[in-house]
């Protein structure tokens, strides 16, 4: 069993070997579950909403432009 110490701010470091095994990277979120055996740390699912705003575009598209393209492609 690997261990970690709780800081005065309540923070815990997940050991590097475990982070590597789980593919956890900075910015990933984990959840905490209390059960009969104690506390479990679980990986949070990656949700598309979490990625919103990460991609930037130099081109601006209006709602009207998007609706026009949808109508055009639906007609094909």
PDB file of N, CA and C in Angstrom:
ATOM      1  N   UNK A   1       0.853  -1.175   0.000  1.00  0.00           N
ATOM      2  CA  UNK A   1       0.000   0.000   0.000  1.00  0.00           C
ATOM      3  C   UNK A   1       0.900   1.240   0.000  1.00  0.00           C
ATOM      4  N   UNK A   2       0.565   2.178  -0.871  1.00  0.00           N
ATOM      5  CA  UNK A   2       1.282   3.446  -0.888  1.00  0.00           C
ATOM      6  C   UNK A   2       0.544   4.438  -0.004  1.00  0.00           C
ATOM      7  N   UNK A   3       1.289   5.336   0.604  1.00  0.00           N
ATOM      8  CA  UNK A   3       0.672   6.303   1.508  1.00  0.00           C
ATOM      9  C   UNK A   3       1.016   7.724   1.092  1.00  0.00           C
ATOM     10  N   UNK A   4       0.260   8.650   1.636  1.00  0.00           N
ATOM     11  CA  UNK A   4       0.472  10.072   1.399  1.00  0.00           C
ATOM     12  C   UNK A   4       0.047  10.809   2.653  1.00  0.00           C
ATOM     13  N   UNK A   5       0.604  11.983   2.865  1.00  0.00           N
ATOM     14  CA  UNK A   5       0.292  12.776   4.056  1.00  0.00           C
ATOM     15  C   UNK A   5      -0.664  13.911   3.703  1.00  0.00           C
ATOM     16  N   UNK A   6      -1.632  14.149   4.551  1.00  0.00           N
ATOM     17  CA  UNK A   6      -2.569  15.256   4.359  1.00  0.00           C
ATOM     18  C   UNK A   6      -1.891  16.538   4.826  1.00  0.00           C
ATOM     19  N   UNK A   7      -1.916  17.574   3.976  1.00  0.00           N
ATOM     20  CA  UNK A   7      -1.307  18.851   4.336  1.00  0.00           C
ATOM     21  C   UNK A   7      -2.240  19.634   5.257  1.00  0.00           C
ATOM     22  N   UNK A   8      -1.751  20.750   5.767  1.00  0.00           N
ATOM     23  CA  UNK A   8      -2.573  21.597   6.644  1.00  0.00           C
ATOM     24  C   UNK A   8      -3.779  22.169   5.896  1.00  0.00           C
ATOM     25  N   UNK A   9      -3.715  22.195   4.564  1.00  0.00           N
ATOM     26  CA  UNK A   9      -4.835  22.686   3.750  1.00  0.00           C
ATOM     27  C   UNK A   9      -5.765  21.550   3.332  1.00  0.00           C
ATOM     28  N   UNK A  10      -5.513  20.337   3.816  1.00  0.00           N
ATOM     29  CA  UNK A  10      -6.354  19.195   3.492  1.00  0.00           C
ATOM     30  C   UNK A  10      -6.023  18.557   2.154  1.00  0.00           C
ATOM     31  N   UNK A  11      -4.886  18.898   1.575  1.00  0.00           N
ATOM     32  CA  UNK A  11      -4.500  18.349   0.279  1.00  0.00           C
ATOM     33  C   UNK A  11      -3.726  17.049   0.443  1.00  0.00           C
ATOM     34  N   UNK A  12      -3.913  16.157  -0.537  1.00  0.00           N
ATOM     35  CA  UNK A  12      -3.220  14.876  -0.553  1.00  0.00           C
ATOM     36  C   UNK A  12      -2.620  14.694  -1.943  1.00  0.00           C
ATOM     37  N   UNK A  13      -1.381  14.242  -1.999  1.00  0.00           N
ATOM     38  CA  UNK A  13      -0.745  13.946  -3.283  1.00  0.00           C
ATOM     39  C   UNK A  13      -0.955  12.486  -3.624  1.00  0.00           C
ATOM     40  N   UNK A  14      -1.452  12.223  -4.829  1.00  0.00           N
ATOM     41  CA  UNK A  14      -1.572  10.848  -5.299  1.00  0.00           C
ATOM     42  C   UNK A  14      -0.182  10.432  -5.760  1.00  0.00           C
ATOM     43  N   UNK A  15       0.340   9.337  -5.236  1.00  0.00           N
ATOM     44  CA  UNK A  15       1.695   8.926  -5.601  1.00  0.00           C
ATOM     45  C   UNK A  15       1.893   8.836  -7.118  1.00  0.00           C
ATOM     46  N   UNK A  16       3.077   9.230  -7.579  1.00  0.00           N
ATOM     47  CA  UNK A  16       3.382   9.299  -9.004  1.00  0.00           C
ATOM     48  C   UNK A  16       3.113   7.984  -9.730  1.00  0.00           C
ATOM     49  N   UNK A  17       3.487   6.867  -9.121  1.00  0.00           N
ATOM     50  CA  UNK A  17       3.284   5.558  -9.752  1.00  0.00           C
ATOM     51  C   UNK A  17       1.803   5.302 -10.015  1.00  0.00           C
ATOM     52  N   UNK A  18       0.957   5.671  -9.067  1.00  0.00           N
ATOM     53  CA  UNK A  18      -0.486   5.481  -9.236  1.00  0.00           C
ATOM     54  C   UNK A  18      -1.039   6.420 -10.309  1.00  0.00           C
ATOM     55  N   UNK A  19      -0.571   7.682 -10.307  1.00  0.00           N
ATOM     56  CA  UNK A  19      -1.015   8.639 -11.338  1.00  0.00           C
ATOM     57  C   UNK A  19      -0.670   8.108 -12.720  1.00  0.00           C
ATOM     58  N   UNK A  20       0.528   7.547 -12.839  1.00  0.00           N
ATOM     59  CA  UNK A  20       0.969   7.010 -14.129  1.00  0.00           C
ATOM     60  C   UNK A  20       0.110   5.815 -14.527  1.00  0.00           C
ATOM     61  N   UNK A  21      -0.143   4.905 -13.600  1.00  0.00           N
ATOM     62  CA  UNK A  21      -0.965   3.720 -13.873  1.00  0.00           C
ATOM     63  C   UNK A  21      -2.365   4.108 -14.339  1.00  0.00           C
ATOM     64  N   UNK A  22      -2.930   5.135 -13.724  1.00  0.00           N
ATOM     65  CA  UNK A  22      -4.291   5.551 -14.038  1.00  0.00           C
ATOM     66  C   UNK A  22      -4.369   6.549 -15.183  1.00  0.00           C
ATOM     67  N   UNK A  23      -3.217   7.039 -15.616  1.00  0.00           N
ATOM     68  CA  UNK A  23      -3.213   8.029 -16.693  1.00  0.00           C
ATOM     69  C   UNK A  23      -3.701   9.390 -16.235  1.00  0.00           C
ATOM     70  N   UNK A  24      -3.558   9.672 -14.945  1.00  0.00           N
ATOM     71  CA  UNK A  24      -3.989  10.966 -14.411  1.00  0.00           C
ATOM     72  C   UNK A  24      -2.952  12.033 -14.732  1.00  0.00           C
ATOM     73  N   UNK A  25      -3.444  13.188 -15.148  1.00  0.00           N
ATOM     74  CA  UNK A  25      -2.571  14.298 -15.489  1.00  0.00           C
ATOM     75  C   UNK A  25      -3.035  15.548 -14.761  1.00  0.00           C
ATOM     76  N   UNK A  26      -2.171  16.561 -14.660  1.00  0.00           N
ATOM     77  CA  UNK A  26      -2.581  17.808 -14.012  1.00  0.00           C
ATOM     78  C   UNK A  26      -3.875  18.338 -14.625  1.00  0.00           C
ATOM     79  N   UNK A  27      -4.796  18.731 -13.774  1.00  0.00           N
ATOM     80  CA  UNK A  27      -6.083  19.242 -14.228  1.00  0.00           C
ATOM     81  C   UNK A  27      -7.181  18.200 -14.237  1.00  0.00           C
ATOM     82  N   UNK A  28      -6.823  16.902 -14.225  1.00  0.00           N
ATOM     83  CA  UNK A  28      -7.845  15.851 -14.148  1.00  0.00           C
ATOM     84  C   UNK A  28      -8.527  15.938 -12.789  1.00  0.00           C
ATOM     85  N   UNK A  29      -9.772  15.491 -12.740  1.00  0.00           N
ATOM     86  CA  UNK A  29     -10.511  15.517 -11.490  1.00  0.00           C
ATOM     87  C   UNK A  29     -10.715  14.100 -10.967  1.00  0.00           C
ATOM     88  N   UNK A  30     -10.729  13.976  -9.657  1.00  0.00           N
ATOM     89  CA  UNK A  30     -11.024  12.712  -9.003  1.00  0.00           C
ATOM     90  C   UNK A  30     -12.176  12.933  -8.038  1.00  0.00           C
ATOM     91  N   UNK A  31     -12.852  11.859  -7.695  1.00  0.00           N
ATOM     92  CA  UNK A  31     -13.951  11.926  -6.745  1.00  0.00           C
ATOM     93  C   UNK A  31     -13.606  11.139  -5.499  1.00  0.00           C
ATOM     94  N   UNK A  32     -14.339  11.398  -4.436  1.00  0.00           N
ATOM     95  CA  UNK A  32     -14.108  10.717  -3.166  1.00  0.00           C
ATOM     96  C   UNK A  32     -15.396  10.036  -2.734  1.00  0.00           C
ATOM     97  N   UNK A  33     -15.293   8.759  -2.379  1.00  0.00           N
ATOM     98  CA  UNK A  33     -16.446   7.984  -1.932  1.00  0.00           C
ATOM     99  C   UNK A  33     -16.126   7.395  -0.570  1.00  0.00           C
ATOM    100  N   UNK A  34     -17.043   7.565   0.368  1.00  0.00           N
ATOM    101  CA  UNK A  34     -16.910   6.951   1.689  1.00  0.00           C
ATOM    102  C   UNK A  34     -17.756   5.690   1.683  1.00  0.00           C
ATOM    103  N   UNK A  35     -17.145   4.553   2.013  1.00  0.00           N
ATOM    104  CA  UNK A  35     -17.893   3.304   2.110  1.00  0.00           C
ATOM    105  C   UNK A  35     -17.479   2.557   3.376  1.00  0.00           C
ATOM    106  N   UNK A  36     -17.902   1.326   3.502  1.00  0.00           N
ATOM    107  CA  UNK A  36     -17.643   0.549   4.715  1.00  0.00           C
ATOM    108  C   UNK A  36     -16.157   0.333   4.972  1.00  0.00           C
ATOM    109  N   UNK A  37     -15.336   0.373   3.920  1.00  0.00           N
ATOM    110  CA  UNK A  37     -13.905   0.124   4.075  1.00  0.00           C
ATOM    111  C   UNK A  37     -13.095   1.401   4.287  1.00  0.00           C
ATOM    112  N   UNK A  38     -13.712   2.557   4.126  1.00  0.00           N
ATOM    113  CA  UNK A  38     -13.002   3.825   4.300  1.00  0.00           C
ATOM    114  C   UNK A  38     -13.298   4.790   3.165  1.00  0.00           C
ATOM    115  N   UNK A  39     -12.271   5.485   2.715  1.00  0.00           N
ATOM    116  CA  UNK A  39     -12.419   6.462   1.632  1.00  0.00           C
ATOM    117  C   UNK A  39     -11.784   5.890   0.374  1.00  0.00           C
ATOM    118  N   UNK A  40     -12.496   6.007  -0.742  1.00  0.00           N
ATOM    119  CA  UNK A  40     -11.943   5.610  -2.034  1.00  0.00           C
ATOM    120  C   UNK A  40     -11.803   6.851  -2.901  1.00  0.00           C
ATOM    121  N   UNK A  41     -10.727   6.920  -3.638  1.00  0.00           N
ATOM    122  CA  UNK A  41     -10.525   7.988  -4.614  1.00  0.00           C
ATOM    123  C   UNK A  41     -10.811   7.375  -5.974  1.00  0.00           C
ATOM    124  N   UNK A  42     -11.698   7.989  -6.730  1.00  0.00           N
ATOM    125  CA  UNK A  42     -12.077   7.442  -8.031  1.00  0.00           C
ATOM    126  C   UNK A  42     -11.870   8.484  -9.123  1.00  0.00           C
ATOM    127  N   UNK A  43     -11.562   7.999 -10.324  1.00  0.00           N
ATOM    128  CA  UNK A  43     -11.402   8.899 -11.454  1.00  0.00           C
ATOM    129  C   UNK A  43     -12.772   9.409 -11.872  1.00  0.00           C
ATOM    130  N   UNK A  44     -12.852  10.696 -12.171  1.00  0.00           N
ATOM    131  CA  UNK A  44     -14.099  11.255 -12.693  1.00  0.00           C
ATOM    132  C   UNK A  44     -14.142  11.008 -14.183  1.00  0.00           C
ATOM    133  N   UNK A  45     -15.339  10.802 -14.693  1.00  0.00           N
ATOM    134  CA  UNK A  45     -15.489  10.616 -16.134  1.00  0.00           C
ATOM    135  C   UNK A  45     -15.149  11.914 -16.844  1.00  0.00           C
ATOM    136  N   UNK A  46     -14.554  11.771 -18.008  1.00  0.00           N
ATOM    137  CA  UNK A  46     -14.277  12.947 -18.813  1.00  0.00           C
ATOM    138  C   UNK A  46     -15.561  13.325 -19.530  1.00  0.00           C
ATOM    139  N   UNK A  47     -16.041  14.517 -19.292  1.00  0.00           N
ATOM    140  CA  UNK A  47     -17.274  14.973 -19.906  1.00  0.00           C
ATOM    141  C   UNK A  47     -16.946  16.026 -20.949  1.00  0.00           C
ATOM    142  N   UNK A  48     -17.705  16.032 -22.012  1.00  0.00           N
ATOM    143  CA  UNK A  48     -17.459  16.980 -23.090  1.00  0.00           C
ATOM    144  C   UNK A  48     -17.580  18.417 -22.592  1.00  0.00           C
ATOM    145  N   UNK A  49     -18.436  18.641 -21.594  1.00  0.00           N
ATOM    146  CA  UNK A  49     -18.591  19.995 -21.069  1.00  0.00           C
ATOM    147  C   UNK A  49     -17.294  20.512 -20.464  1.00  0.00           C
ATOM    148  N   UNK A  50     -16.474  19.600 -19.961  1.00  0.00           N
ATOM    149  CA  UNK A  50     -15.202  19.999 -19.358  1.00  0.00           C
ATOM    150  C   UNK A  50     -14.252  20.570 -20.403  1.00  0.00           C
ATOM    151  N   UNK A  51     -14.433  20.186 -21.647  1.00  0.00           N
ATOM    152  CA  UNK A  51     -13.547  20.656 -22.715  1.00  0.00           C
ATOM    153  C   UNK A  51     -14.057  21.942 -23.363  1.00  0.00           C
ATOM    154  N   UNK A  52     -15.261  22.387 -22.998  1.00  0.00           N
ATOM    155  CA  UNK A  52     -15.831  23.575 -23.620  1.00  0.00           C
ATOM    156  C   UNK A  52     -14.896  24.770 -23.456  1.00  0.00           C
ATOM    157  N   UNK A  53     -14.610  25.429 -24.553  1.00  0.00           N
ATOM    158  CA  UNK A  53     -13.763  26.607 -24.519  1.00  0.00           C
ATOM    159  C   UNK A  53     -12.284  26.337 -24.684  1.00  0.00           C
ATOM    160  N   UNK A  54     -11.880  25.070 -24.735  1.00  0.00           N
ATOM    161  CA  UNK A  54     -10.457  24.766 -24.889  1.00  0.00           C
ATOM    162  C   UNK A  54      -9.960  25.066 -26.301  1.00  0.00           C
ATOM    163  N   UNK A  55     -10.823  24.865 -27.276  1.00  0.00           N
ATOM    164  CA  UNK A  55     -10.438  25.101 -28.675  1.00  0.00           C
ATOM    165  C   UNK A  55     -10.829  26.527 -29.060  1.00  0.00           C
ATOM    166  N   UNK A  56      -9.876  27.233 -29.581  1.00  0.00           N
ATOM    167  CA  UNK A  56     -10.126  28.600 -30.009  1.00  0.00           C
ATOM    168  C   UNK A  56     -10.100  28.654 -31.530  1.00  0.00           C
ATOM    169  N   UNK A  57     -10.953  29.480 -32.108  1.00  0.00           N
ATOM    170  CA  UNK A  57     -11.010  29.639 -33.552  1.00  0.00           C
ATOM    171  C   UNK A  57     -10.788  31.099 -33.903  1.00  0.00           C
ATOM    172  N   UNK A  58     -10.122  31.317 -35.017  1.00  0.00           N
ATOM    173  CA  UNK A  58      -9.911  32.680 -35.485  1.00  0.00           C
ATOM    174  C   UNK A  58     -11.076  33.145 -36.348  1.00  0.00           C
ATOM    175  N   UNK A  59     -11.989  32.212 -36.666  1.00  0.00           N
ATOM    176  CA  UNK A  59     -13.141  32.518 -37.503  1.00  0.00           C
ATOM    177  C   UNK A  59     -14.382  32.537 -36.622  1.00  0.00           C
ATOM    178  N   UNK A  60     -15.194  33.573 -36.791  1.00  0.00           N
ATOM    179  CA  UNK A  60     -16.434  33.671 -36.033  1.00  0.00           C
ATOM    180  C   UNK A  60     -17.595  33.229 -36.922  1.00  0.00           C
ATOM    181  N   UNK A  61     -18.485  32.416 -36.365  1.00  0.00           N
ATOM    182  CA  UNK A  61     -19.640  31.931 -37.119  1.00  0.00           C
ATOM    183  C   UNK A  61     -20.892  32.297 -36.349  1.00  0.00           C
ATOM    184  N   UNK A  62     -21.869  32.858 -37.054  1.00  0.00           N
ATOM    185  CA  UNK A  62     -23.124  33.246 -36.407  1.00  0.00           C
ATOM    186  C   UNK A  62     -24.072  32.056 -36.371  1.00  0.00           C
ATOM    187  N   UNK A  63     -25.114  32.177 -35.563  1.00  0.00           N
ATOM    188  CA  UNK A  63     -26.149  31.145 -35.523  1.00  0.00           C
ATOM    189  C   UNK A  63     -26.789  30.983 -36.900  1.00  0.00           C
ATOM    190  N   UNK A  64     -27.001  32.107 -37.588  1.00  0.00           N
ATOM    191  CA  UNK A  64     -27.610  32.069 -38.918  1.00  0.00           C
ATOM    192  C   UNK A  64     -26.730  31.285 -39.896  1.00  0.00           C
ATOM    193  N   UNK A  65     -25.409  31.495 -39.828  1.00  0.00           N
ATOM    194  CA  UNK A  65     -24.480  30.759 -40.690  1.00  0.00           C
ATOM    195  C   UNK A  65     -24.583  29.256 -40.433  1.00  0.00           C
ATOM    196  N   UNK A  66     -24.612  28.878 -39.154  1.00  0.00           N
ATOM    197  CA  UNK A  66     -24.698  27.459 -38.809  1.00  0.00           C
ATOM    198  C   UNK A  66     -26.009  26.853 -39.308  1.00  0.00           C
ATOM    199  N   UNK A  67     -27.123  27.568 -39.111  1.00  0.00           N
ATOM    200  CA  UNK A  67     -28.415  27.064 -39.559  1.00  0.00           C
ATOM    201  C   UNK A  67     -28.454  26.924 -41.078  1.00  0.00           C
ATOM    202  N   UNK A  68     -27.835  27.857 -41.812  1.00  0.00           N
ATOM    203  CA  UNK A  68     -27.790  27.804 -43.276  1.00  0.00           C
ATOM    204  C   UNK A  68     -27.043  26.560 -43.735  1.00  0.00           C
ATOM    205  N   UNK A  69     -25.878  26.301 -43.120  1.00  0.00           N
ATOM    206  CA  UNK A  69     -25.092  25.123 -43.492  1.00  0.00           C
ATOM    207  C   UNK A  69     -25.836  23.840 -43.165  1.00  0.00           C
ATOM    208  N   UNK A  70     -26.508  23.803 -42.037  1.00  0.00           N
ATOM    209  CA  UNK A  70     -27.300  22.614 -41.661  1.00  0.00           C
ATOM    210  C   UNK A  70     -28.390  22.369 -42.688  1.00  0.00           C
ATOM    211  N   UNK A  71     -29.116  23.430 -43.081  1.00  0.00           N
ATOM    212  CA  UNK A  71     -30.178  23.286 -44.083  1.00  0.00           C
ATOM    213  C   UNK A  71     -29.606  22.812 -45.418  1.00  0.00           C
ATOM    214  N   UNK A  72     -28.481  23.392 -45.822  1.00  0.00           N
ATOM    215  CA  UNK A  72     -27.853  23.004 -47.096  1.00  0.00           C
ATOM    216  C   UNK A  72     -27.457  21.530 -47.086  1.00  0.00           C
ATOM    217  N   UNK A  73     -26.835  21.095 -45.993  1.00  0.00           N
ATOM    218  CA  UNK A  73     -26.369  19.699 -45.931  1.00  0.00           C
ATOM    219  C   UNK A  73     -27.508  18.718 -45.756  1.00  0.00           C
ATOM    220  N   UNK A  74     -28.576  19.158 -45.113  1.00  0.00           N
ATOM    221  CA  UNK A  74     -29.734  18.277 -44.932  1.00  0.00           C
ATOM    222  C   UNK A  74     -30.436  18.045 -46.264  1.00  0.00           C
ATOM    223  N   UNK A  75     -30.333  19.006 -47.180  1.00  0.00           N
ATOM    224  CA  UNK A  75     -30.975  18.887 -48.484  1.00  0.00           C
ATOM    225  C   UNK A  75     -30.232  17.997 -49.447  1.00  0.00           C
ATOM    226  N   UNK A  76     -28.994  17.638 -49.130  1.00  0.00           N
ATOM    227  CA  UNK A  76     -28.190  16.809 -50.050  1.00  0.00           C
ATOM    228  C   UNK A  76     -28.502  15.346 -49.893  1.00  0.00           C
TER     229      UNK A  76
END
